[in-house]
Amino acid sequence: MEQINFGISYISSLLKNYGHTTRLAVLGSSRPKQSLSLLLRTIDQFAPDIVAFSAVATQYPFVEILAREVKKLHKDLYQVIGGPHVTLHPEQALEGTFNAVCLSEGEHALLELANSMRDGRDQHDICNFWFRTENGIVRNPTRPFLENLDELPFPDREMWCEWIKQAGHSRLSILLGRGCPFKCTYCSNHTLRQKASGKYVRFRSVPNILAEIKHLHQWFPFVTEYFLEVETFNVDKEWVRDLCNGLHEYNSTLPTRLTFGTNIRITRDADFNELFAACAKANITKFTVGLESGSERIRSEIMHRYYTNADVIEMARAARSHGCSFGFQNLIGLPTETEEDFRETVTLNRVCSPDWYWLSIFYPYPGTDLATKCIDMGLISGVLSTVKERAKPVISLPTFPLRRLRKCYFWFEYDVFRGKKPLYSLLVLVLVKKLFSVPAVYNAIFPLQRSFVFRIVEAAFKR
């Protein structure tokens, strides 16, 4: 439940509120034959009027193949697709099988489409949709971003239940808002905000958020940890203060307090003591932090993230002083990055000693400024592989040879935590990473993600 897709969950709940029925099919490119069989079986059982797909850039080719196979057996079945990738590249989707592409936010657009099809009305003038017709492509304008997120019903979690083992609920996620005020070059936010008018960065009201938490606590009383999902939690100080006060008051009514985690952004000269003091009062004690790179040059020149390593260290100190834990998101293999830049990332991780971490290899997602930069630098030619996305280099850097980059990726845990964690546990992680870099091994082990393989790795790292 922590990892449900909020976009389609909100769309489903709104459709249901207006008398429509929905059915979810979770597909995966690692199992193409099984996914196609599942999709066709679901269509036969549910008999939908619309099949609506959503896919990120690297999953789009897989989804397009599935849609083509569906069209062979169900020629007249209406197929639409939405999501960030086709919002940025709608022409690509309409060159293929899809009847329509949804740009930007999809809740009211898909509801209007479903209503028009149910009522037998023409749908080709619906905002946020581009349609493929006999007379060519109809390109409708986008409606403004939905400013009042409280208007939406809570996301449809019920449709996910058949896909999730109930006993596996460790925590739940709640979406607090939409949009990001920053313009990181490797992210799509800076281009998505240009696709519609109106306010892009929006937050739900505190009473609305608390109402959903109370609803979920009744539904899942055994879950005591929640992740407050939002691009950047610490953007609006007044809203943060009000939310922290509300969570504190709600927790005071419970026999066992709920624990919360969220995402924060490091900014220049921020008062992290004030932030963590308010959060600790609300029992928001776990924070995901996008460090990305320990090189100030890479952050500022390449990623447009403007803060110093001293700011990062101060954040870590303030978090620990208030009893909070944090994890770093690290990204390597960026354009112009050198092995010395990577060593700065290792050093900053060692100094701050995060409680957990992620390490990804840069992937130039289409439509982002950094992908365009890679093209201009001659780093991209042809179609990029999506195998082992963000765990395998797809561009070759003259400043950071591929062989060295892969070695740095494999040995990152060892370099950061040597002397701080048992040697055997660090070597286990290196071994597992190397095994998972072999596609045949990865495909064989992937279905066991939630089983013993990952539990062994997790236990080794925690030690």
Protein backbone atom coordinates (compact mmCIF):
# COMPACT_ATOMS: atom_id res chain seq x y z
CA MET A 1 0.00 0.00 0.00
CA GLU A 2 2.94 2.33 0.51
CA GLN A 3 3.79 2.20 -3.21
CA ILE A 4 0.40 2.61 -4.87
CA ASN A 5 0.17 4.94 -7.86
CA PHE A 6 -1.72 8.00 -6.61
CA GLY A 7 -2.56 9.35 -10.07
CA ILE A 8 -4.70 6.41 -11.17
CA SER A 9 -6.02 5.95 -7.62
CA TYR A 10 -7.49 9.46 -7.56
CA ILE A 11 -8.91 9.00 -11.06
CA SER A 12 -10.58 5.74 -10.03
CA SER A 13 -12.13 7.21 -6.88
CA LEU A 14 -13.58 10.16 -8.82
CA LEU A 15 -15.00 7.87 -11.50
CA LYS A 16 -16.63 5.68 -8.85
CA ASN A 17 -18.14 8.75 -7.18
CA TYR A 18 -19.96 9.47 -10.44
CA GLY A 19 -21.35 5.98 -10.91
CA HIS A 20 -18.65 4.36 -13.03
CA THR A 21 -16.89 1.09 -12.14
CA THR A 22 -13.18 0.41 -12.45
CA ARG A 23 -10.85 -2.56 -12.40
CA LEU A 24 -7.08 -2.51 -11.93
CA ALA A 25 -4.52 -4.64 -13.76
CA VAL A 26 -0.90 -4.32 -12.60
CA LEU A 27 1.51 -5.13 -15.43
CA GLY A 28 5.29 -5.45 -15.59
CA SER A 29 7.77 -5.52 -18.44
CA SER A 30 9.86 -8.13 -16.61
CA ARG A 31 7.00 -10.57 -17.31
CA PRO A 32 5.63 -9.59 -20.74
CA LYS A 33 3.77 -12.82 -21.57
CA GLN A 34 2.16 -13.05 -18.15
CA SER A 35 1.22 -9.36 -18.31
CA LEU A 36 -0.48 -9.71 -21.69
CA SER A 37 -2.36 -12.80 -20.54
CA LEU A 38 -3.47 -10.98 -17.39
CA LEU A 39 -4.59 -7.92 -19.34
CA LEU A 40 -6.61 -9.92 -21.86
CA ARG A 41 -8.18 -12.00 -19.10
CA THR A 42 -9.15 -8.85 -17.19
CA ILE A 43 -10.71 -7.33 -20.31
CA ASP A 44 -12.73 -10.49 -20.96
CA GLN A 45 -13.97 -10.63 -17.36
CA PHE A 46 -14.64 -6.93 -16.81
CA ALA A 47 -15.77 -5.97 -20.36
CA PRO A 48 -14.72 -2.31 -20.08
CA ASP A 49 -15.73 0.57 -22.34
CA ILE A 50 -12.31 2.17 -21.88
CA VAL A 51 -8.87 0.69 -21.23
CA ALA A 52 -6.72 3.41 -19.67
CA PHE A 53 -2.94 2.93 -19.47
CA SER A 54 -0.34 4.88 -17.55
CA ALA A 55 3.39 4.49 -18.02
CA VAL A 56 6.66 6.26 -17.31
CA ALA A 57 9.07 6.84 -20.19
CA THR A 58 10.99 3.58 -19.89
CA GLN A 59 7.80 1.50 -19.64
CA TYR A 60 6.03 3.19 -22.56
CA PRO A 61 7.36 0.86 -25.32
CA PHE A 62 6.16 -2.16 -23.31
CA VAL A 63 2.72 -0.64 -22.77
CA GLU A 64 2.42 0.29 -26.44
CA ILE A 65 3.09 -3.33 -27.41
CA LEU A 66 0.36 -4.51 -25.03
CA ALA A 67 -2.12 -2.01 -26.47
CA ARG A 68 -1.31 -3.22 -29.98
CA GLU A 69 -2.01 -6.83 -28.95
CA VAL A 70 -5.29 -5.81 -27.33
CA LYS A 71 -6.33 -4.04 -30.54
CA LYS A 72 -5.86 -7.24 -32.53
CA LEU A 73 -8.46 -9.06 -30.44
CA HIS A 74 -10.68 -6.11 -29.48
CA LYS A 75 -10.66 -3.86 -32.52
CA ASP A 76 -13.32 -1.45 -31.27
CA LEU A 77 -12.18 -1.20 -27.65
CA TYR A 78 -11.33 2.39 -26.77
CA GLN A 79 -7.74 2.77 -25.47
CA VAL A 80 -6.30 5.87 -23.84
CA ILE A 81 -3.01 6.61 -22.15
CA GLY A 82 -1.85 9.27 -19.72
CA GLY A 83 1.01 10.12 -17.40
CA PRO A 84 4.08 12.37 -17.47
CA HIS A 85 5.77 10.74 -20.46
CA VAL A 86 2.89 11.10 -22.93
CA THR A 87 2.10 14.55 -21.53
CA LEU A 88 5.53 15.57 -22.80
CA HIS A 89 5.36 13.41 -25.96
CA PRO A 90 1.70 13.11 -27.04
CA GLU A 91 2.50 12.75 -30.74
CA GLN A 92 4.42 9.53 -30.04
CA ALA A 93 1.39 7.89 -28.44
CA LEU A 94 -1.01 8.92 -31.22
CA GLU A 95 1.31 7.47 -33.85
CA GLY A 96 0.60 4.07 -32.33
CA THR A 97 -2.52 2.26 -31.21
CA PHE A 98 -4.13 4.62 -28.73
CA ASN A 99 -7.35 6.43 -29.54
CA ALA A 100 -6.58 9.31 -27.20
CA VAL A 101 -3.81 10.78 -25.04
CA CYS A 102 -4.46 12.56 -21.75
CA LEU A 103 -2.11 15.46 -21.07
CA SER A 104 -1.49 16.86 -17.60
CA GLU A 105 -3.90 15.93 -14.78
CA GLY A 106 -6.38 13.21 -15.64
CA GLU A 107 -9.14 13.14 -13.02
CA HIS A 108 -11.75 15.44 -14.54
CA ALA A 109 -10.62 14.79 -18.11
CA LEU A 110 -11.16 11.02 -17.89
CA LEU A 111 -14.43 11.52 -15.98
CA GLU A 112 -15.68 13.76 -18.77
CA LEU A 113 -14.62 11.18 -21.36
CA ALA A 114 -16.38 8.36 -19.49
CA ASN A 115 -19.55 10.46 -19.07
CA SER A 116 -19.64 11.41 -22.75
CA MET A 117 -19.20 7.81 -23.88
CA ARG A 118 -21.89 6.62 -21.48
CA ASP A 119 -24.31 9.31 -22.66
CA GLY A 120 -23.53 8.87 -26.33
CA ARG A 121 -22.10 12.39 -26.76
CA ASP A 122 -19.16 13.44 -28.91
CA GLN A 123 -15.99 13.55 -26.83
CA HIS A 124 -13.53 15.18 -29.19
CA ASP A 125 -13.70 18.61 -27.54
CA ILE A 126 -12.63 17.50 -24.03
CA CYS A 127 -9.81 19.59 -22.59
CA ASN A 128 -6.58 17.74 -21.68
CA PHE A 129 -7.19 15.20 -24.46
CA TRP A 130 -5.69 14.78 -27.88
CA PHE A 131 -7.68 12.42 -30.10
CA ARG A 132 -6.76 10.38 -33.14
CA THR A 133 -9.65 10.60 -35.62
CA GLU A 134 -10.30 9.74 -39.24
CA ASN A 135 -9.70 13.38 -40.10
CA GLY A 136 -6.42 13.64 -38.23
CA ILE A 137 -5.37 14.56 -34.71
CA VAL A 138 -7.61 16.79 -32.61
CA ARG A 139 -5.49 18.78 -30.16
CA ASN A 140 -7.55 20.23 -27.33
CA PRO A 141 -6.09 22.74 -24.86
CA THR A 142 -5.27 21.76 -21.30
CA ARG A 143 -7.44 22.92 -18.41
CA PRO A 144 -5.78 24.78 -15.52
CA PHE A 145 -4.15 22.72 -12.80
CA LEU A 146 -6.67 21.69 -10.15
CA GLU A 147 -6.01 24.27 -7.45
CA ASN A 148 -8.21 22.93 -4.63
CA LEU A 149 -7.01 19.35 -4.11
CA ASP A 150 -9.55 18.93 -1.31
CA GLU A 151 -12.22 18.66 -4.02
CA LEU A 152 -10.99 15.18 -4.90
CA PRO A 153 -12.22 12.14 -2.98
CA PHE A 154 -9.59 10.12 -1.15
CA PRO A 155 -7.62 7.85 -3.50
CA ASP A 156 -9.09 4.44 -4.31
CA ARG A 157 -7.07 1.98 -2.24
CA GLU A 158 -9.65 -0.75 -2.44
CA MET A 159 -8.75 -1.60 -6.04
CA TRP A 160 -5.19 -2.36 -4.91
CA CYS A 161 -6.18 -4.87 -2.24
CA GLU A 162 -6.17 -7.91 -4.52
CA TRP A 163 -2.60 -7.06 -5.57
CA ILE A 164 -1.15 -6.66 -2.09
CA LYS A 165 -0.63 -9.12 0.71
CA GLN A 166 -2.44 -7.60 3.67
CA ALA A 167 0.12 -9.00 6.11
CA GLY A 168 2.81 -7.04 4.29
CA HIS A 169 1.57 -3.59 5.28
CA SER A 170 4.46 -1.95 7.09
CA ARG A 171 3.31 1.60 6.43
CA LEU A 172 0.88 3.61 4.31
CA SER A 173 1.45 6.62 2.08
CA ILE A 174 -0.67 9.76 1.90
CA LEU A 175 -0.28 12.34 -0.86
CA LEU A 176 -0.04 15.83 0.67
CA GLY A 177 0.21 17.93 -2.48
CA ARG A 178 1.28 18.24 -6.08
CA GLY A 179 4.06 20.05 -7.88
CA CYS A 180 7.56 21.19 -7.01
CA PRO A 181 8.86 24.78 -6.96
CA PHE A 182 12.40 23.79 -7.91
CA LYS A 183 13.81 23.25 -11.40
CA CYS A 184 16.22 20.34 -11.14
CA THR A 185 17.43 19.53 -14.62
CA TYR A 186 17.11 15.73 -14.32
CA CYS A 187 13.44 15.91 -13.24
CA SER A 188 10.32 16.44 -15.38
CA ASN A 189 8.65 18.96 -13.04
CA HIS A 190 10.15 21.94 -14.85
CA THR A 191 8.54 20.84 -18.14
CA LEU A 192 5.26 19.50 -16.76
CA ARG A 193 4.47 22.83 -15.10
CA GLN A 194 4.51 24.43 -18.57
CA LYS A 195 1.76 22.15 -19.88
CA ALA A 196 -1.13 23.90 -18.14
CA SER A 197 -1.97 27.24 -16.59
CA GLY A 198 -2.65 28.00 -12.95
CA LYS A 199 -0.87 27.25 -9.72
CA TYR A 200 1.47 24.28 -10.05
CA VAL A 201 2.63 23.81 -6.45
CA ARG A 202 -0.42 22.98 -4.32
CA PHE A 203 -1.02 21.45 -0.90
CA ARG A 204 -4.10 19.83 0.58
CA SER A 205 -5.59 21.52 3.62
CA VAL A 206 -4.60 20.22 7.05
CA PRO A 207 -8.19 19.19 7.97
CA ASN A 208 -8.46 17.20 4.71
CA ILE A 209 -5.16 15.40 5.36
CA LEU A 210 -6.13 14.59 8.94
CA ALA A 211 -9.49 13.26 7.79
CA GLU A 212 -7.76 10.78 5.48
CA ILE A 213 -5.34 9.69 8.21
CA LYS A 214 -8.24 9.07 10.58
CA HIS A 215 -10.07 7.12 7.86
CA LEU A 216 -7.00 4.98 7.15
CA HIS A 217 -6.31 4.38 10.83
CA GLN A 218 -9.79 2.91 11.17
CA TRP A 219 -9.28 0.77 8.06
CA PHE A 220 -5.74 -0.35 8.95
CA PRO A 221 -5.54 -0.14 12.76
CA PHE A 222 -2.45 -2.36 12.82
CA VAL A 223 -0.43 0.13 10.72
CA THR A 224 1.30 2.72 12.88
CA GLU A 225 3.66 4.31 10.35
CA TYR A 226 2.72 6.64 7.50
CA PHE A 227 4.75 8.27 4.75
CA LEU A 228 3.64 11.81 3.93
CA GLU A 229 4.31 11.85 0.20
CA VAL A 230 5.02 15.22 -1.37
CA GLU A 231 7.70 16.58 -3.65
CA THR A 232 9.10 18.94 -1.00
CA PHE A 233 7.62 19.02 2.50
CA ASN A 234 9.42 22.13 3.77
CA VAL A 235 8.33 24.66 1.13
CA ASP A 236 5.54 26.44 3.04
CA LYS A 237 6.56 27.07 6.66
CA GLU A 238 3.08 28.11 7.82
CA TRP A 239 1.46 25.03 6.30
CA VAL A 240 4.15 22.80 7.86
CA ARG A 241 3.53 24.36 11.27
CA ASP A 242 -0.25 23.87 11.01
CA LEU A 243 0.12 20.27 9.84
CA CYS A 244 2.57 19.43 12.61
CA ASN A 245 0.19 20.90 15.20
CA GLY A 246 -2.70 18.92 13.74
CA LEU A 247 -0.77 15.65 13.76
CA HIS A 248 0.37 16.28 17.32
CA GLU A 249 -3.20 16.89 18.47
CA TYR A 250 -4.46 13.75 16.70
CA ASN A 251 -1.64 11.62 18.12
CA SER A 252 -2.53 12.82 21.63
CA THR A 253 -5.91 11.08 21.26
CA LEU A 254 -4.37 7.68 20.39
CA PRO A 255 -3.10 5.01 22.80
CA THR A 256 -0.14 4.42 20.42
CA ARG A 257 1.18 7.43 18.55
CA LEU A 258 1.50 7.22 14.77
CA THR A 259 4.94 7.75 13.27
CA PHE A 260 5.48 9.69 10.07
CA GLY A 261 8.14 10.16 7.41
CA THR A 262 8.39 12.59 4.50
CA ASN A 263 10.65 14.20 1.86
CA ILE A 264 12.59 17.39 2.55
CA ARG A 265 14.74 19.63 0.39
CA ILE A 266 18.02 21.16 1.51
CA THR A 267 18.21 24.87 0.74
CA ARG A 268 20.78 27.56 1.42
CA ASP A 269 20.98 28.68 5.07
CA ALA A 270 17.69 27.02 6.06
CA ASP A 271 16.69 26.86 9.74
CA PHE A 272 16.56 23.09 10.12
CA ASN A 273 16.34 23.33 13.90
CA GLU A 274 12.95 25.02 13.60
CA LEU A 275 11.77 22.44 11.05
CA PHE A 276 12.88 19.35 12.98
CA ALA A 277 11.61 20.71 16.29
CA ALA A 278 8.11 21.11 14.82
CA CYS A 279 8.28 17.73 13.12
CA ALA A 280 9.52 15.89 16.21
CA LYS A 281 6.53 17.25 18.14
CA ALA A 282 4.25 15.71 15.48
CA ASN A 283 6.28 12.45 15.50
CA ILE A 284 7.51 13.06 11.97
CA THR A 285 10.89 11.48 12.56
CA LYS A 286 12.07 9.97 9.25
CA PHE A 287 13.19 12.09 6.34
CA THR A 288 14.18 11.29 2.77
CA VAL A 289 16.74 13.83 1.55
CA GLY A 290 17.82 14.30 -2.05
CA LEU A 291 21.56 14.78 -1.66
CA GLU A 292 22.06 13.55 -5.26
CA SER A 293 25.76 14.52 -5.40
CA GLY A 294 28.38 15.48 -2.88
CA SER A 295 30.06 17.65 -5.50
CA GLU A 296 28.95 21.26 -5.23
CA ARG A 297 30.04 21.79 -8.84
CA ILE A 298 27.85 18.96 -10.15
CA ARG A 299 24.89 20.09 -8.07
CA SER A 300 25.00 23.72 -9.15
CA GLU A 301 26.29 23.53 -12.75
CA ILE A 302 24.63 20.31 -13.90
CA MET A 303 21.60 19.76 -11.64
CA HIS A 304 20.66 23.34 -10.66
CA ARG A 305 20.54 22.45 -6.98
CA TYR A 306 22.02 25.37 -5.07
CA TYR A 307 23.21 24.54 -1.56
CA THR A 308 26.57 23.85 0.00
CA ASN A 309 27.97 20.78 1.66
CA ALA A 310 27.97 22.79 4.88
CA ASP A 311 24.17 23.09 4.50
CA VAL A 312 23.94 19.30 4.14
CA ILE A 313 26.06 18.71 7.23
CA GLU A 314 23.99 21.20 9.24
CA MET A 315 20.79 19.41 8.19
CA ALA A 316 22.23 16.10 9.41
CA ARG A 317 23.34 17.63 12.72
CA ALA A 318 19.95 19.27 13.31
CA ALA A 319 18.07 16.06 12.50
CA ARG A 320 20.11 14.02 14.93
CA SER A 321 19.81 16.66 17.67
CA HIS A 322 16.01 16.31 17.50
CA GLY A 323 16.02 12.51 17.44
CA CYS A 324 15.19 12.28 13.73
CA SER A 325 16.63 9.84 11.20
CA PHE A 326 17.26 10.48 7.51
CA GLY A 327 18.28 8.78 4.29
CA PHE A 328 20.13 10.16 1.29
CA GLN A 329 19.21 9.75 -2.36
CA ASN A 330 22.46 9.63 -4.36
CA LEU A 331 22.86 9.88 -8.12
CA ILE A 332 26.04 9.09 -10.05
CA GLY A 333 27.10 9.00 -13.68
CA LEU A 334 25.97 12.57 -14.43
CA PRO A 335 27.30 14.53 -17.42
CA THR A 336 30.82 15.91 -16.79
CA GLU A 337 31.08 13.96 -13.51
CA THR A 338 34.52 12.65 -12.65
CA GLU A 339 35.63 10.00 -10.22
CA GLU A 340 36.78 12.82 -7.95
CA ASP A 341 33.22 14.20 -7.94
CA PHE A 342 31.99 10.76 -6.95
CA ARG A 343 34.54 10.62 -4.13
CA GLU A 344 33.05 13.85 -2.81
CA THR A 345 29.67 12.07 -2.69
CA VAL A 346 31.21 9.21 -0.74
CA THR A 347 32.94 11.62 1.64
CA LEU A 348 29.77 13.60 2.36
CA ASN A 349 27.87 10.37 3.00
CA ARG A 350 30.59 9.24 5.40
CA VAL A 351 30.53 12.56 7.26
CA CYS A 352 26.73 12.62 7.61
CA SER A 353 26.33 8.83 8.03
CA PRO A 354 22.71 8.54 6.79
CA ASP A 355 20.49 5.91 8.40
CA TRP A 356 19.63 4.55 4.97
CA TYR A 357 20.40 5.50 1.38
CA TRP A 358 19.59 4.96 -2.27
CA LEU A 359 22.17 4.94 -5.04
CA SER A 360 21.06 5.30 -8.66
CA ILE A 361 22.91 5.67 -11.93
CA PHE A 362 21.74 8.65 -13.96
CA TYR A 363 19.18 7.92 -16.69
CA PRO A 364 18.39 10.80 -19.12
CA TYR A 365 14.60 10.78 -19.17
CA PRO A 366 13.12 12.26 -22.37
CA GLY A 367 11.79 15.77 -21.98
CA THR A 368 14.10 16.83 -19.16
CA ASP A 369 16.68 19.58 -19.55
CA LEU A 370 19.50 17.21 -18.67
CA ALA A 371 18.47 14.73 -21.35
CA THR A 372 18.61 17.57 -23.87
CA LYS A 373 22.05 18.51 -22.57
CA CYS A 374 23.20 14.90 -23.05
CA ILE A 375 22.04 15.02 -26.67
CA ASP A 376 23.83 18.32 -27.24
CA MET A 377 27.01 16.83 -25.72
CA GLY A 378 26.80 13.81 -28.01
CA LEU A 379 26.29 11.40 -25.11
CA ILE A 380 23.05 9.91 -26.49
CA SER A 381 22.70 8.17 -29.83
CA GLY A 382 19.87 5.85 -30.73
CA VAL A 383 17.39 4.23 -28.35
CA LEU A 384 18.57 3.85 -24.77
CA SER A 385 18.27 0.50 -23.01
CA THR A 386 15.73 0.25 -20.18
CA VAL A 387 17.21 -2.97 -18.79
CA LYS A 388 18.23 -2.48 -15.15
CA GLU A 389 17.10 1.13 -15.31
CA ARG A 390 19.09 3.38 -12.94
CA ALA A 391 21.27 0.43 -11.97
CA LYS A 392 23.20 0.23 -15.24
CA PRO A 393 24.90 3.07 -17.15
CA VAL A 394 23.27 4.00 -20.46
CA ILE A 395 25.61 6.84 -21.43
CA SER A 396 29.37 6.70 -21.67
CA LEU A 397 31.16 9.59 -19.99
CA PRO A 398 34.62 10.59 -21.20
CA THR A 399 35.19 12.05 -17.73
CA PHE A 400 34.16 8.90 -15.85
CA PRO A 401 35.04 5.67 -17.72
CA LEU A 402 32.32 3.05 -17.73
CA ARG A 403 34.44 0.41 -16.01
CA ARG A 404 35.30 2.77 -13.16
CA LEU A 405 31.71 3.99 -12.80
CA ARG A 406 30.40 0.45 -12.46
CA LYS A 407 33.06 -0.37 -9.89
CA CYS A 408 32.18 2.74 -7.87
CA TYR A 409 28.52 1.76 -8.03
CA PHE A 410 29.16 -1.77 -6.76
CA TRP A 411 31.46 -0.68 -3.92
CA PHE A 412 29.53 2.38 -2.75
CA GLU A 413 28.25 0.79 0.49
CA TYR A 414 31.73 -0.46 1.35
CA ASP A 415 33.32 2.95 0.72
CA VAL A 416 30.70 4.81 2.76
CA PHE A 417 30.25 2.46 5.71
CA ARG A 418 33.59 0.70 6.09
CA GLY A 419 34.61 0.82 9.74
CA LYS A 420 31.01 1.65 10.70
CA LYS A 421 29.32 -1.64 9.81
CA PRO A 422 30.55 -5.24 9.92
CA LEU A 423 32.79 -6.09 6.98
CA TYR A 424 30.86 -9.26 6.08
CA SER A 425 27.57 -7.35 5.73
CA LEU A 426 29.15 -4.82 3.37
CA LEU A 427 30.69 -7.58 1.25
CA VAL A 428 27.31 -9.33 1.04
CA LEU A 429 25.79 -6.16 -0.39
CA VAL A 430 28.58 -5.85 -2.96
CA LEU A 431 28.07 -9.48 -4.00
CA VAL A 432 24.30 -9.10 -4.33
CA LYS A 433 24.69 -5.94 -6.42
CA LYS A 434 27.05 -7.71 -8.78
CA LEU A 435 24.70 -10.68 -9.08
CA PHE A 436 21.76 -8.43 -9.83
CA SER A 437 23.74 -6.71 -12.58
CA VAL A 438 23.48 -9.94 -14.61
CA PRO A 439 20.08 -9.81 -16.42
CA ALA A 440 19.49 -13.57 -16.24
CA VAL A 441 20.11 -13.60 -12.49
CA TYR A 442 17.99 -10.48 -11.97
CA ASN A 443 15.02 -11.92 -13.89
CA ALA A 444 15.24 -15.15 -11.91
CA ILE A 445 15.43 -13.43 -8.52
CA PHE A 446 13.11 -10.45 -9.19
CA PRO A 447 9.89 -12.35 -8.27
CA LEU A 448 11.42 -13.09 -4.85
CA GLN A 449 11.89 -9.40 -3.98
CA ARG A 450 9.74 -9.58 -0.90
CA SER A 451 11.06 -12.96 0.09
CA PHE A 452 14.22 -14.27 1.69
CA VAL A 453 16.76 -12.72 -0.72
CA PHE A 454 15.83 -9.15 0.14
CA ARG A 455 15.37 -9.95 3.81
CA ILE A 456 18.93 -11.27 4.00
CA VAL A 457 20.27 -8.13 2.31
CA GLU A 458 18.19 -5.87 4.52
CA ALA A 459 19.34 -7.65 7.66
CA ALA A 460 22.96 -7.43 6.57
CA PHE A 461 22.72 -3.70 5.97
CA LYS A 462 20.92 -2.97 9.25
CA ARG A 463 23.68 -4.72 11.17
